[in-house]
Amino acid sequence: MRFVLRRLAFYLVAFLVAATFNFLIPRLMPGNPADVMLAQAQGTLPPEAREALMETFGFINEPLYLQYLKYLGSIFTWDFGLSVKYYPTPVYDLLARALPWTLFLTGTATLVAYALGTLLGIRAAWRRGGRFDGVVSPLALALQSIPPVVVAITALFVFAVTLNWLPAGYAFDPSLEPSLSGPFLSSVFFHALMPVLSLSIVLVGGYLITMRNNMIGQLGEDYVHLAEAKGLSDARVRYNYAARNAFLPSITAFAISLGSVFGGSLITEVVFNYPGLGNLLYMGVIARDFPLIQGQLLIMTLAMLSANFAVDIAYVALDPRLRRA
């Protein structure tokens, strides 16, 4: 419990530091959301509306520390303010609508890539130097070096434009009403096939190489040779002994990937016009929507810190040496 409380206190401080930078950066930059909206209005808004907009977006005429205290209070009540681009829609509503799509798309691709890359990495390490390793490992290195935008655009051109097998974009058929009906769910899965495939291809190479290297490092340990000398089966030595310890470093990479899920895959979502957090962040950056950008960055920070905290707990649960320490 002392370990858990220490780590929890550390991540709370880290979150406050990130929130502080998130508060200061827009206020140190030239311009503000009110000026952006007035410029976009092209003279249709009266000048006196500027003060009301400034107050609406939190740029109040008070000392900075009072603004900061009000900002912290709004964070812990999940009040991220109003969006500039989608005014007067609250940022929280925009993030809540986009989050399920990102969790479905990026979460599915991450789980598929991690499971496939881990299993292939274990097999490649167990038969290292063989035919399987000679094919899979260079292919993983090649996939790891390909930019995500190249994979996404190639998949879009081949499967949507040339072969016309899959839809070119969006999350479902616009003619359908969102519901739990069979046609709508089928449309969602059908539209997600190409983005999930593209994103999985980008991620699988890194997981495979990481697991292969971790596994090779464990195969030379004495406990593995002892297990083999005891006459245990290859599968038991491979998975119950070597792979179990090789999992520990890869769990960190997996948890960080899960934390980044909340940021969405900006490239993939933009290419396929998928209505997730990545696409929403891109639209916010283009429109200089500071409240929207701040809200999403806070969500990403909280997700990453939570993922790292979960890794710390998982390490203690999986490694008895840490419990004894």
Protein backbone atom coordinates (compact mmCIF):
# COMPACT_ATOMS: atom_id res chain seq x y z
CA MET A 1 0.00 0.00 0.00
CA ARG A 2 2.87 2.39 0.72
CA PHE A 3 4.23 1.74 -2.77
CA VAL A 4 0.82 2.41 -4.33
CA LEU A 5 0.38 5.66 -2.38
CA ARG A 6 3.87 6.88 -3.30
CA ARG A 7 3.28 6.24 -6.99
CA LEU A 8 -0.17 7.79 -6.80
CA ALA A 9 1.26 10.95 -5.22
CA PHE A 10 3.97 11.11 -7.91
CA TYR A 11 1.44 10.88 -10.76
CA LEU A 12 -0.80 13.46 -9.12
CA VAL A 13 2.10 15.91 -9.04
CA ALA A 14 2.94 15.05 -12.66
CA PHE A 15 -0.67 15.73 -13.67
CA LEU A 16 -0.66 19.10 -11.90
CA VAL A 17 2.57 20.07 -13.67
CA ALA A 18 1.09 19.10 -17.05
CA ALA A 19 -2.11 20.99 -16.25
CA THR A 20 -0.05 24.06 -15.30
CA PHE A 21 1.75 24.06 -18.65
CA ASN A 22 -1.60 23.53 -20.35
CA PHE A 23 -2.88 26.64 -18.56
CA LEU A 24 0.14 28.84 -19.25
CA ILE A 25 0.89 28.11 -22.90
CA PRO A 26 -2.28 29.63 -24.44
CA ARG A 27 -1.95 32.68 -22.19
CA LEU A 28 1.69 33.23 -23.17
CA MET A 29 0.96 32.91 -26.89
CA PRO A 30 -0.07 35.97 -28.90
CA GLY A 31 -3.80 36.22 -29.50
CA ASN A 32 -6.67 34.43 -27.80
CA PRO A 33 -9.91 32.63 -28.74
CA ALA A 34 -11.95 35.83 -28.62
CA ASP A 35 -9.72 37.51 -31.23
CA VAL A 36 -9.90 34.36 -33.39
CA MET A 37 -13.72 34.41 -33.31
CA LEU A 38 -13.84 38.14 -34.07
CA ALA A 39 -11.52 37.61 -37.04
CA GLN A 40 -13.64 34.72 -38.30
CA ALA A 41 -16.79 36.83 -37.96
CA GLN A 42 -15.29 39.36 -40.44
CA GLY A 43 -16.85 42.40 -38.80
CA THR A 44 -20.28 40.94 -38.10
CA LEU A 45 -19.68 41.00 -34.32
CA PRO A 46 -19.51 44.35 -32.51
CA PRO A 47 -16.21 45.23 -30.76
CA GLU A 48 -17.88 45.23 -27.35
CA ALA A 49 -18.53 41.50 -27.79
CA ARG A 50 -14.80 40.89 -27.29
CA GLU A 51 -14.94 41.34 -23.51
CA ALA A 52 -17.87 38.93 -23.20
CA LEU A 53 -16.03 36.35 -25.31
CA MET A 54 -12.85 36.82 -23.27
CA GLU A 55 -14.78 36.09 -20.08
CA THR A 56 -16.55 33.14 -21.71
CA PHE A 57 -13.24 31.48 -22.58
CA GLY A 58 -11.64 32.13 -19.19
CA PHE A 59 -9.38 35.05 -20.17
CA ILE A 60 -10.71 37.18 -17.34
CA ASN A 61 -9.17 40.42 -16.07
CA GLU A 62 -7.88 38.99 -12.80
CA PRO A 63 -4.46 38.09 -11.39
CA LEU A 64 -2.95 35.04 -13.00
CA TYR A 65 -3.02 32.96 -9.83
CA LEU A 66 -6.79 33.49 -9.48
CA GLN A 67 -7.28 32.43 -13.08
CA TYR A 68 -5.16 29.38 -12.36
CA LEU A 69 -7.22 28.39 -9.31
CA LYS A 70 -10.44 28.71 -11.28
CA TYR A 71 -8.86 26.68 -14.07
CA LEU A 72 -7.94 23.87 -11.66
CA GLY A 73 -11.47 23.89 -10.28
CA SER A 74 -12.89 23.55 -13.79
CA ILE A 75 -10.58 20.62 -14.52
CA PHE A 76 -11.74 18.58 -11.54
CA THR A 77 -15.36 19.24 -12.48
CA TRP A 78 -14.69 18.25 -16.13
CA ASP A 79 -15.62 21.71 -17.33
CA PHE A 80 -13.27 22.38 -20.26
CA GLY A 81 -15.13 25.43 -21.50
CA LEU A 82 -16.73 26.13 -24.88
CA SER A 83 -15.27 25.25 -28.24
CA VAL A 84 -14.26 28.08 -30.57
CA LYS A 85 -14.83 26.18 -33.81
CA TYR A 86 -18.07 24.54 -32.69
CA TYR A 87 -19.30 27.42 -30.51
CA PRO A 88 -21.38 27.25 -28.33
CA THR A 89 -20.91 23.47 -27.93
CA PRO A 90 -18.99 22.56 -24.72
CA VAL A 91 -15.63 20.89 -25.23
CA TYR A 92 -16.68 18.07 -22.91
CA ASP A 93 -19.59 17.15 -25.23
CA LEU A 94 -17.30 17.10 -28.28
CA LEU A 95 -14.76 14.87 -26.54
CA ALA A 96 -17.49 12.58 -25.19
CA ARG A 97 -18.91 12.08 -28.70
CA ALA A 98 -15.51 11.40 -30.29
CA LEU A 99 -14.05 9.20 -27.53
CA PRO A 100 -16.07 6.00 -28.24
CA TRP A 101 -15.02 6.03 -31.89
CA THR A 102 -11.36 6.42 -30.99
CA LEU A 103 -11.51 3.71 -28.32
CA PHE A 104 -13.10 1.35 -30.82
CA LEU A 105 -10.72 2.10 -33.69
CA THR A 106 -7.38 2.64 -31.98
CA GLY A 107 -8.09 0.24 -29.11
CA THR A 108 -8.98 -2.60 -31.46
CA ALA A 109 -5.93 -1.98 -33.65
CA THR A 110 -3.63 -1.83 -30.61
CA LEU A 111 -4.95 -5.09 -29.13
CA VAL A 112 -4.74 -6.90 -32.48
CA ALA A 113 -1.22 -5.63 -33.17
CA TYR A 114 0.01 -6.43 -29.66
CA ALA A 115 -1.40 -9.97 -29.64
CA LEU A 116 -0.12 -10.76 -33.13
CA GLY A 117 3.27 -9.11 -32.64
CA THR A 118 3.83 -10.78 -29.26
CA LEU A 119 3.01 -14.28 -30.51
CA LEU A 120 5.11 -13.88 -33.65
CA GLY A 121 7.98 -12.39 -31.61
CA ILE A 122 7.96 -15.37 -29.21
CA ARG A 123 8.05 -17.84 -32.10
CA ALA A 124 10.76 -15.91 -33.96
CA ALA A 125 12.97 -15.81 -30.84
CA TRP A 126 12.44 -19.48 -30.06
CA ARG A 127 13.52 -20.43 -33.60
CA ARG A 128 15.96 -17.58 -34.05
CA GLY A 129 18.14 -17.86 -37.11
CA GLY A 130 15.63 -20.19 -38.77
CA ARG A 131 13.47 -19.69 -41.83
CA PHE A 132 10.55 -18.19 -39.91
CA ASP A 133 12.76 -15.71 -38.08
CA GLY A 134 14.56 -14.82 -41.30
CA VAL A 135 11.27 -13.79 -42.92
CA VAL A 136 9.31 -12.27 -40.04
CA SER A 137 12.00 -10.15 -38.38
CA PRO A 138 13.13 -8.19 -41.48
CA LEU A 139 9.47 -7.73 -42.44
CA ALA A 140 8.73 -6.31 -38.98
CA LEU A 141 11.65 -3.88 -39.28
CA ALA A 142 10.36 -2.77 -42.68
CA LEU A 143 6.82 -2.25 -41.39
CA GLN A 144 8.15 -0.32 -38.39
CA SER A 145 9.96 2.15 -40.66
CA ILE A 146 7.00 2.89 -42.97
CA PRO A 147 5.25 6.18 -42.08
CA PRO A 148 1.61 5.68 -41.03
CA VAL A 149 0.40 8.13 -43.68
CA VAL A 150 1.91 5.95 -46.42
CA VAL A 151 0.15 2.83 -45.15
CA ALA A 152 -3.18 4.64 -44.77
CA ILE A 153 -3.09 6.29 -48.21
CA THR A 154 -1.95 3.04 -49.87
CA ALA A 155 -4.78 1.08 -48.24
CA LEU A 156 -7.25 3.79 -49.26
CA PHE A 157 -6.07 3.75 -52.87
CA VAL A 158 -5.98 -0.06 -53.19
CA PHE A 159 -9.08 -1.20 -51.31
CA ALA A 160 -11.38 1.82 -51.72
CA VAL A 161 -10.42 3.46 -55.01
CA THR A 162 -8.98 0.67 -57.17
CA LEU A 163 -10.77 -2.47 -55.97
CA ASN A 164 -13.81 -0.70 -54.46
CA TRP A 165 -14.05 -3.37 -51.75
CA LEU A 166 -14.27 -1.08 -48.73
CA PRO A 167 -15.73 2.39 -48.07
CA ALA A 168 -13.39 5.34 -48.47
CA GLY A 169 -14.04 6.90 -45.10
CA TYR A 170 -16.18 7.88 -42.13
CA ALA A 171 -17.35 5.57 -39.35
CA PHE A 172 -20.67 4.36 -40.80
CA ASP A 173 -23.09 4.85 -43.66
CA PRO A 174 -24.49 8.41 -43.33
CA SER A 175 -27.90 7.20 -44.48
CA LEU A 176 -28.26 5.10 -41.28
CA GLU A 177 -29.37 6.40 -37.91
CA PRO A 178 -27.00 5.53 -35.02
CA SER A 179 -28.56 2.69 -33.02
CA LEU A 180 -27.86 -0.83 -31.79
CA SER A 181 -29.53 -2.33 -34.85
CA GLY A 182 -27.86 -4.97 -36.97
CA PRO A 183 -27.48 -2.83 -40.12
CA PHE A 184 -25.87 0.04 -38.21
CA LEU A 185 -23.42 -2.20 -36.31
CA SER A 186 -22.53 -4.03 -39.54
CA SER A 187 -21.84 -0.67 -41.20
CA VAL A 188 -19.62 0.39 -38.27
CA PHE A 189 -17.51 -2.78 -38.47
CA PHE A 190 -17.36 -2.61 -42.28
CA HIS A 191 -16.15 1.00 -42.24
CA ALA A 192 -13.58 0.21 -39.51
CA LEU A 193 -11.90 -2.65 -41.38
CA MET A 194 -9.52 -0.52 -43.42
CA PRO A 195 -8.50 1.93 -40.63
CA VAL A 196 -7.96 -0.94 -38.17
CA LEU A 197 -5.93 -2.88 -40.74
CA SER A 198 -3.79 0.17 -41.57
CA LEU A 199 -3.12 1.03 -37.94
CA SER A 200 -2.38 -2.60 -36.99
CA ILE A 201 0.19 -2.87 -39.76
CA VAL A 202 1.94 0.24 -38.42
CA LEU A 203 2.02 -1.06 -34.82
CA VAL A 204 2.68 -4.79 -35.18
CA GLY A 205 6.33 -4.46 -36.21
CA GLY A 206 7.37 -2.64 -33.03
CA TYR A 207 5.67 -5.17 -30.75
CA LEU A 208 7.22 -8.08 -32.64
CA ILE A 209 10.78 -6.74 -32.46
CA THR A 210 10.41 -5.78 -28.79
CA MET A 211 9.11 -9.19 -27.79
CA ARG A 212 11.70 -11.02 -29.88
CA ASN A 213 14.58 -9.14 -28.28
CA ASN A 214 13.17 -9.62 -24.77
CA MET A 215 12.63 -13.30 -25.41
CA ILE A 216 16.16 -13.87 -26.73
CA GLY A 217 17.54 -12.24 -23.59
CA GLN A 218 15.59 -14.69 -21.42
CA LEU A 219 16.49 -17.83 -23.38
CA GLY A 220 20.09 -17.68 -22.19
CA GLU A 221 19.17 -17.57 -18.48
CA ASP A 222 19.93 -20.47 -16.16
CA TYR A 223 16.33 -21.09 -15.18
CA VAL A 224 15.43 -21.78 -18.83
CA HIS A 225 18.27 -24.32 -19.17
CA LEU A 226 17.16 -25.93 -15.90
CA ALA A 227 13.59 -26.22 -17.17
CA GLU A 228 14.83 -27.85 -20.36
CA ALA A 229 17.07 -30.23 -18.37
CA LYS A 230 14.05 -31.28 -16.29
CA GLY A 231 12.44 -32.55 -19.50
CA LEU A 232 9.61 -30.00 -19.71
CA SER A 233 7.90 -29.60 -23.05
CA ASP A 234 9.00 -26.87 -25.46
CA ALA A 235 5.65 -25.13 -25.17
CA ARG A 236 5.83 -24.99 -21.36
CA VAL A 237 9.41 -23.70 -21.34
CA ARG A 238 8.58 -21.20 -24.05
CA TYR A 239 5.44 -19.71 -22.53
CA ASN A 240 5.45 -20.50 -18.80
CA TYR A 241 9.12 -19.71 -18.22
CA ALA A 242 10.79 -17.55 -20.89
CA ALA A 243 7.81 -15.64 -22.26
CA ARG A 244 6.42 -14.86 -18.81
CA ASN A 245 9.53 -12.86 -17.87
CA ALA A 246 9.96 -11.45 -21.36
CA PHE A 247 6.48 -9.96 -21.07
CA LEU A 248 7.53 -7.47 -18.39
CA PRO A 249 9.34 -4.91 -20.60
CA SER A 250 6.74 -5.24 -23.36
CA ILE A 251 3.94 -4.46 -20.92
CA THR A 252 5.36 -0.94 -20.58
CA ALA A 253 5.19 -0.39 -24.34
CA PHE A 254 1.68 -1.83 -24.43
CA ALA A 255 0.45 0.37 -21.58
CA ILE A 256 1.91 3.49 -23.18
CA SER A 257 0.16 2.52 -26.42
CA LEU A 258 -3.12 2.13 -24.55
CA GLY A 259 -2.57 5.54 -22.97
CA SER A 260 -2.00 7.08 -26.38
CA VAL A 261 -5.27 5.54 -27.57
CA PHE A 262 -7.06 8.47 -25.94
CA GLY A 263 -5.19 10.82 -28.22
CA GLY A 264 -6.39 8.91 -31.22
CA SER A 265 -4.39 8.17 -34.32
CA LEU A 266 -4.33 11.58 -35.95
CA ILE A 267 -2.95 10.45 -39.32
CA THR A 268 -5.28 7.45 -39.71
CA GLU A 269 -8.38 9.31 -38.57
CA VAL A 270 -7.69 12.29 -40.82
CA VAL A 271 -7.00 10.14 -43.91
CA PHE A 272 -10.17 8.09 -43.42
CA ASN A 273 -12.22 11.03 -42.04
CA TYR A 274 -12.94 8.99 -38.94
CA PRO A 275 -14.83 11.01 -36.26
CA GLY A 276 -12.45 10.26 -33.40
CA LEU A 277 -10.29 12.31 -31.06
CA GLY A 278 -7.37 12.48 -33.49
CA ASN A 279 -9.51 14.04 -36.21
CA LEU A 280 -11.09 16.35 -33.64
CA LEU A 281 -7.65 17.49 -32.44
CA TYR A 282 -6.61 18.17 -36.04
CA MET A 283 -9.70 20.32 -36.62
CA GLY A 284 -9.03 22.15 -33.36
CA VAL A 285 -5.44 22.92 -34.35
CA ILE A 286 -6.51 24.19 -37.77
CA ALA A 287 -9.14 26.45 -36.19
CA ARG A 288 -6.85 27.49 -33.28
CA ASP A 289 -9.50 26.19 -30.91
CA PHE A 290 -7.51 26.53 -27.67
CA PRO A 291 -10.20 25.19 -25.29
CA LEU A 292 -10.64 22.08 -27.43
CA ILE A 293 -6.88 21.50 -27.69
CA GLN A 294 -6.43 22.02 -23.95
CA GLY A 295 -9.24 19.64 -23.09
CA GLN A 296 -7.91 16.87 -25.28
CA LEU A 297 -4.33 17.31 -24.08
CA LEU A 298 -5.53 16.96 -20.51
CA ILE A 299 -7.41 13.77 -21.39
CA MET A 300 -4.29 12.39 -23.10
CA THR A 301 -2.11 13.33 -20.12
CA LEU A 302 -4.48 11.68 -17.66
CA ALA A 303 -4.66 8.55 -19.82
CA MET A 304 -0.88 8.27 -20.14
CA LEU A 305 -0.32 8.73 -16.41
CA SER A 306 -3.04 6.19 -15.61
CA ALA A 307 -1.44 3.71 -18.00
CA ASN A 308 1.97 4.15 -16.38
CA PHE A 309 0.41 3.74 -12.94
CA ALA A 310 -1.23 0.52 -14.10
CA VAL A 311 2.19 -0.68 -15.34
CA ASP A 312 3.72 -0.04 -11.92
CA ILE A 313 0.98 -2.11 -10.27
CA ALA A 314 1.28 -4.85 -12.89
CA TYR A 315 5.05 -5.08 -12.38
CA VAL A 316 4.58 -5.66 -8.67
CA ALA A 317 1.93 -8.31 -9.37
CA LEU A 318 3.97 -10.13 -12.03
CA ASP A 319 7.48 -9.92 -10.54
CA PRO A 320 7.82 -11.44 -7.03
CA ARG A 321 11.22 -9.78 -6.60
CA LEU A 322 9.57 -6.36 -6.53
CA ARG A 323 7.10 -7.49 -3.87
CA ARG A 324 9.95 -8.67 -1.67
CA ALA A 325 11.81 -5.40 -2.23
